[in-house]
Amino acid sequence: MKKTPATLTAIGTLLALGALGAATPACAADKTDQEKCYGVAKAGKNDCAAGTHSCAGQAKTSGDGHDFVAVPKGTCERLNGGSLTPKTN
């Protein structure tokens, strides 16, 4: 197969799109056996957040009511400070 500039561009584009898809994993709490537990994440250990930022690992303080971690269903409300809905600080 002769490699023309158009072929190389197409291959590069496909590789870039594949890498982009791999870099944006689904949130752990989207699994059916998990739930979002707000207010119990340690600083820098959150899965996501409600409104303040959207990326994992960006929690500035421990126990922030907007940051959550994914936990097995039925566990969150047993945790000290755990809530199934975002809390105001």
N, C-alpha and C. Protein backbone atom coordinates (compact mmCIF):
# COMPACT_ATOMS: atom_id res chain seq x y z
N MET A 1 0.86 -1.18 0.00
CA MET A 1 0.00 0.00 0.00
C MET A 1 0.90 1.24 0.00
N LYS A 2 0.65 2.11 -0.95
CA LYS A 2 1.42 3.34 -1.05
C LYS A 2 0.86 4.35 -0.04
N LYS A 3 1.75 4.95 0.76
CA LYS A 3 1.32 5.89 1.79
C LYS A 3 1.37 7.31 1.24
N THR A 4 0.19 7.83 0.95
CA THR A 4 0.08 9.19 0.45
C THR A 4 -0.18 10.13 1.63
N PRO A 5 0.03 11.43 1.45
CA PRO A 5 -0.27 12.36 2.53
C PRO A 5 -1.71 12.26 3.05
N ALA A 6 -2.65 12.02 2.15
CA ALA A 6 -4.05 11.90 2.57
C ALA A 6 -4.25 10.67 3.45
N THR A 7 -3.59 9.58 3.09
CA THR A 7 -3.69 8.35 3.88
C THR A 7 -3.09 8.57 5.27
N LEU A 8 -1.93 9.22 5.33
CA LEU A 8 -1.29 9.48 6.61
C LEU A 8 -2.14 10.41 7.48
N THR A 9 -2.77 11.39 6.85
CA THR A 9 -3.64 12.30 7.59
C THR A 9 -4.84 11.54 8.16
N ALA A 10 -5.43 10.66 7.38
CA ALA A 10 -6.58 9.88 7.83
C ALA A 10 -6.19 8.97 8.98
N ILE A 11 -5.04 8.34 8.88
CA ILE A 11 -4.58 7.46 9.96
C ILE A 11 -4.32 8.27 11.23
N GLY A 12 -3.69 9.42 11.10
CA GLY A 12 -3.43 10.28 12.24
C GLY A 12 -4.71 10.74 12.92
N THR A 13 -5.71 11.08 12.12
CA THR A 13 -7.00 11.51 12.66
C THR A 13 -7.66 10.39 13.45
N LEU A 14 -7.65 9.18 12.90
CA LEU A 14 -8.25 8.05 13.60
C LEU A 14 -7.53 7.76 14.92
N LEU A 15 -6.21 7.84 14.91
CA LEU A 15 -5.46 7.62 16.15
C LEU A 15 -5.77 8.69 17.18
N ALA A 16 -5.88 9.94 16.74
CA ALA A 16 -6.19 11.03 17.66
C ALA A 16 -7.57 10.86 18.27
N LEU A 17 -8.55 10.48 17.47
CA LEU A 17 -9.90 10.27 17.98
C LEU A 17 -9.95 9.11 18.95
N GLY A 18 -9.19 8.06 18.67
CA GLY A 18 -9.13 6.93 19.58
C GLY A 18 -8.53 7.31 20.92
N ALA A 19 -7.49 8.11 20.89
CA ALA A 19 -6.85 8.56 22.13
C ALA A 19 -7.78 9.47 22.91
N LEU A 20 -8.54 10.31 22.23
CA LEU A 20 -9.49 11.19 22.90
C LEU A 20 -10.57 10.39 23.61
N GLY A 21 -11.06 9.36 22.97
CA GLY A 21 -12.07 8.50 23.60
C GLY A 21 -11.54 7.79 24.82
N ALA A 22 -10.29 7.36 24.77
CA ALA A 22 -9.69 6.67 25.91
C ALA A 22 -9.40 7.62 27.06
N ALA A 23 -9.24 8.91 26.77
CA ALA A 23 -8.90 9.88 27.80
C ALA A 23 -10.12 10.38 28.56
N THR A 24 -11.32 10.05 28.11
CA THR A 24 -12.53 10.52 28.78
C THR A 24 -13.36 9.33 29.27
N PRO A 25 -12.94 8.67 30.35
CA PRO A 25 -13.67 7.51 30.84
C PRO A 25 -15.01 7.90 31.44
N ALA A 26 -15.94 6.97 31.45
CA ALA A 26 -17.24 7.22 32.07
C ALA A 26 -17.06 7.31 33.58
N CYS A 27 -17.93 8.06 34.20
CA CYS A 27 -17.87 8.23 35.65
C CYS A 27 -18.20 6.91 36.33
N ALA A 28 -17.48 6.59 37.39
CA ALA A 28 -17.68 5.33 38.11
C ALA A 28 -19.09 5.23 38.67
N ALA A 29 -19.70 6.35 39.02
CA ALA A 29 -21.05 6.31 39.61
C ALA A 29 -22.12 6.03 38.57
N ASP A 30 -21.76 5.97 37.29
CA ASP A 30 -22.74 5.66 36.26
C ASP A 30 -23.08 4.16 36.22
N LYS A 31 -22.32 3.35 36.92
CA LYS A 31 -22.61 1.92 37.00
C LYS A 31 -23.87 1.73 37.83
N THR A 32 -24.67 0.72 37.49
CA THR A 32 -25.95 0.53 38.16
C THR A 32 -25.80 0.08 39.60
N ASP A 33 -24.67 -0.51 39.99
CA ASP A 33 -24.50 -0.97 41.36
C ASP A 33 -23.77 0.07 42.23
N GLN A 34 -23.59 1.28 41.71
CA GLN A 34 -22.90 2.35 42.42
C GLN A 34 -23.83 3.55 42.58
N GLU A 35 -23.53 4.40 43.57
CA GLU A 35 -24.26 5.64 43.75
C GLU A 35 -23.27 6.76 44.06
N LYS A 36 -23.65 7.98 43.75
CA LYS A 36 -22.82 9.15 44.03
C LYS A 36 -23.00 9.51 45.50
N CYS A 37 -21.89 9.60 46.23
CA CYS A 37 -21.94 9.95 47.65
C CYS A 37 -21.21 11.28 47.85
N TYR A 38 -21.98 12.32 48.12
CA TYR A 38 -21.44 13.67 48.29
C TYR A 38 -20.99 13.89 49.73
N GLY A 39 -19.94 14.69 49.88
CA GLY A 39 -19.51 15.13 51.20
C GLY A 39 -18.54 14.22 51.92
N VAL A 40 -18.09 13.15 51.30
CA VAL A 40 -17.17 12.23 51.98
C VAL A 40 -15.82 12.09 51.28
N ALA A 41 -15.65 12.76 50.14
CA ALA A 41 -14.39 12.65 49.39
C ALA A 41 -13.26 13.37 50.11
N LYS A 42 -12.11 12.77 50.09
CA LYS A 42 -10.90 13.41 50.62
C LYS A 42 -10.36 14.37 49.56
N ALA A 43 -9.61 15.37 49.97
CA ALA A 43 -9.03 16.34 49.04
C ALA A 43 -8.22 15.60 47.97
N GLY A 44 -8.52 15.89 46.71
CA GLY A 44 -7.81 15.29 45.59
C GLY A 44 -8.21 13.87 45.27
N LYS A 45 -9.22 13.32 45.95
CA LYS A 45 -9.62 11.92 45.75
C LYS A 45 -11.06 11.77 45.26
N ASN A 46 -11.68 12.85 44.79
CA ASN A 46 -13.07 12.78 44.34
C ASN A 46 -13.18 12.14 42.96
N ASP A 47 -14.38 11.63 42.63
CA ASP A 47 -14.63 11.09 41.30
C ASP A 47 -15.11 12.19 40.35
N CYS A 48 -15.96 13.08 40.82
CA CYS A 48 -16.48 14.21 40.06
C CYS A 48 -17.05 15.22 41.05
N ALA A 49 -17.79 16.22 40.54
CA ALA A 49 -18.40 17.21 41.43
C ALA A 49 -19.65 17.78 40.79
N ALA A 50 -20.46 18.45 41.58
CA ALA A 50 -21.68 19.09 41.10
C ALA A 50 -21.46 20.58 40.99
N GLY A 51 -21.19 21.06 39.79
CA GLY A 51 -21.13 22.49 39.53
C GLY A 51 -19.81 23.19 39.76
N THR A 52 -19.02 22.82 40.75
CA THR A 52 -17.81 23.57 41.05
C THR A 52 -16.67 23.25 40.08
N HIS A 53 -16.57 22.03 39.66
CA HIS A 53 -15.62 21.57 38.64
C HIS A 53 -16.14 20.23 38.15
N SER A 54 -15.55 19.71 37.10
CA SER A 54 -16.11 18.48 36.54
C SER A 54 -15.14 17.32 36.51
N CYS A 55 -13.92 17.52 36.97
CA CYS A 55 -12.92 16.47 36.82
C CYS A 55 -12.60 15.76 38.11
N ALA A 56 -12.26 14.49 37.98
CA ALA A 56 -11.84 13.70 39.13
C ALA A 56 -10.52 14.22 39.67
N GLY A 57 -10.37 14.12 40.97
CA GLY A 57 -9.12 14.50 41.61
C GLY A 57 -8.91 15.98 41.81
N GLN A 58 -9.96 16.79 41.63
CA GLN A 58 -9.81 18.24 41.78
C GLN A 58 -10.40 18.79 43.07
N ALA A 59 -10.81 17.94 43.98
CA ALA A 59 -11.35 18.41 45.25
C ALA A 59 -10.27 19.17 46.01
N LYS A 60 -10.58 20.39 46.43
CA LYS A 60 -9.61 21.22 47.15
C LYS A 60 -9.57 20.89 48.64
N THR A 61 -10.72 20.51 49.21
CA THR A 61 -10.80 20.21 50.63
C THR A 61 -11.52 18.89 50.86
N SER A 62 -11.23 18.25 51.95
CA SER A 62 -11.93 17.01 52.30
C SER A 62 -13.33 17.34 52.79
N GLY A 63 -14.29 16.49 52.45
CA GLY A 63 -15.66 16.64 52.93
C GLY A 63 -16.48 17.72 52.24
N ASP A 64 -16.02 18.23 51.11
CA ASP A 64 -16.78 19.25 50.39
C ASP A 64 -18.10 18.65 49.92
N GLY A 65 -19.19 19.32 50.18
CA GLY A 65 -20.52 18.82 49.85
C GLY A 65 -20.84 18.77 48.37
N HIS A 66 -20.00 19.35 47.52
CA HIS A 66 -20.22 19.30 46.08
C HIS A 66 -19.44 18.17 45.41
N ASP A 67 -18.41 17.67 46.07
CA ASP A 67 -17.59 16.60 45.51
C ASP A 67 -18.17 15.25 45.90
N PHE A 68 -18.08 14.28 44.99
CA PHE A 68 -18.58 12.95 45.34
C PHE A 68 -17.60 11.86 44.95
N VAL A 69 -17.79 10.72 45.56
CA VAL A 69 -17.11 9.49 45.20
C VAL A 69 -18.18 8.44 44.94
N ALA A 70 -17.87 7.48 44.11
CA ALA A 70 -18.80 6.39 43.84
C ALA A 70 -18.62 5.32 44.91
N VAL A 71 -19.73 4.91 45.48
CA VAL A 71 -19.72 3.86 46.51
C VAL A 71 -20.80 2.84 46.17
N PRO A 72 -20.71 1.62 46.71
CA PRO A 72 -21.77 0.64 46.46
C PRO A 72 -23.12 1.16 46.94
N LYS A 73 -24.18 0.86 46.20
CA LYS A 73 -25.52 1.31 46.57
C LYS A 73 -25.87 0.89 48.00
N GLY A 74 -26.49 1.80 48.72
CA GLY A 74 -26.91 1.56 50.09
C GLY A 74 -25.85 1.90 51.12
N THR A 75 -24.67 2.34 50.67
CA THR A 75 -23.57 2.63 51.58
C THR A 75 -23.50 4.09 51.98
N CYS A 76 -23.81 5.00 51.09
CA CYS A 76 -23.56 6.43 51.29
C CYS A 76 -24.18 6.98 52.56
N GLU A 77 -25.44 6.73 52.76
CA GLU A 77 -26.12 7.34 53.91
C GLU A 77 -25.65 6.77 55.24
N ARG A 78 -24.88 5.68 55.21
CA ARG A 78 -24.30 5.13 56.44
C ARG A 78 -22.99 5.84 56.79
N LEU A 79 -22.38 6.52 55.83
CA LEU A 79 -21.10 7.18 56.05
C LEU A 79 -21.32 8.52 56.75
N ASN A 80 -20.44 8.87 57.66
CA ASN A 80 -20.51 10.14 58.38
C ASN A 80 -20.36 11.29 57.39
N GLY A 81 -21.39 12.11 57.25
CA GLY A 81 -21.37 13.23 56.31
C GLY A 81 -21.84 12.87 54.92
N GLY A 82 -22.15 11.62 54.66
CA GLY A 82 -22.57 11.18 53.32
C GLY A 82 -23.96 11.64 52.96
N SER A 83 -24.14 12.03 51.71
CA SER A 83 -25.44 12.48 51.21
C SER A 83 -25.58 12.05 49.76
N LEU A 84 -26.80 11.68 49.36
CA LEU A 84 -27.05 11.30 47.97
C LEU A 84 -27.27 12.52 47.08
N THR A 85 -27.37 13.70 47.67
CA THR A 85 -27.53 14.94 46.91
C THR A 85 -26.42 15.91 47.29
N PRO A 86 -26.04 16.81 46.37
CA PRO A 86 -25.00 17.79 46.71
C PRO A 86 -25.45 18.66 47.88
N LYS A 87 -24.51 19.04 48.72
CA LYS A 87 -24.80 19.85 49.90
C LYS A 87 -24.11 21.21 49.76
N THR A 88 -24.67 22.21 50.39
CA THR A 88 -23.99 23.50 50.45
C THR A 88 -23.07 23.48 51.65
N ASN A 89 -21.96 24.14 51.52
CA ASN A 89 -20.97 24.13 52.61
C ASN A 89 -21.16 25.29 53.55
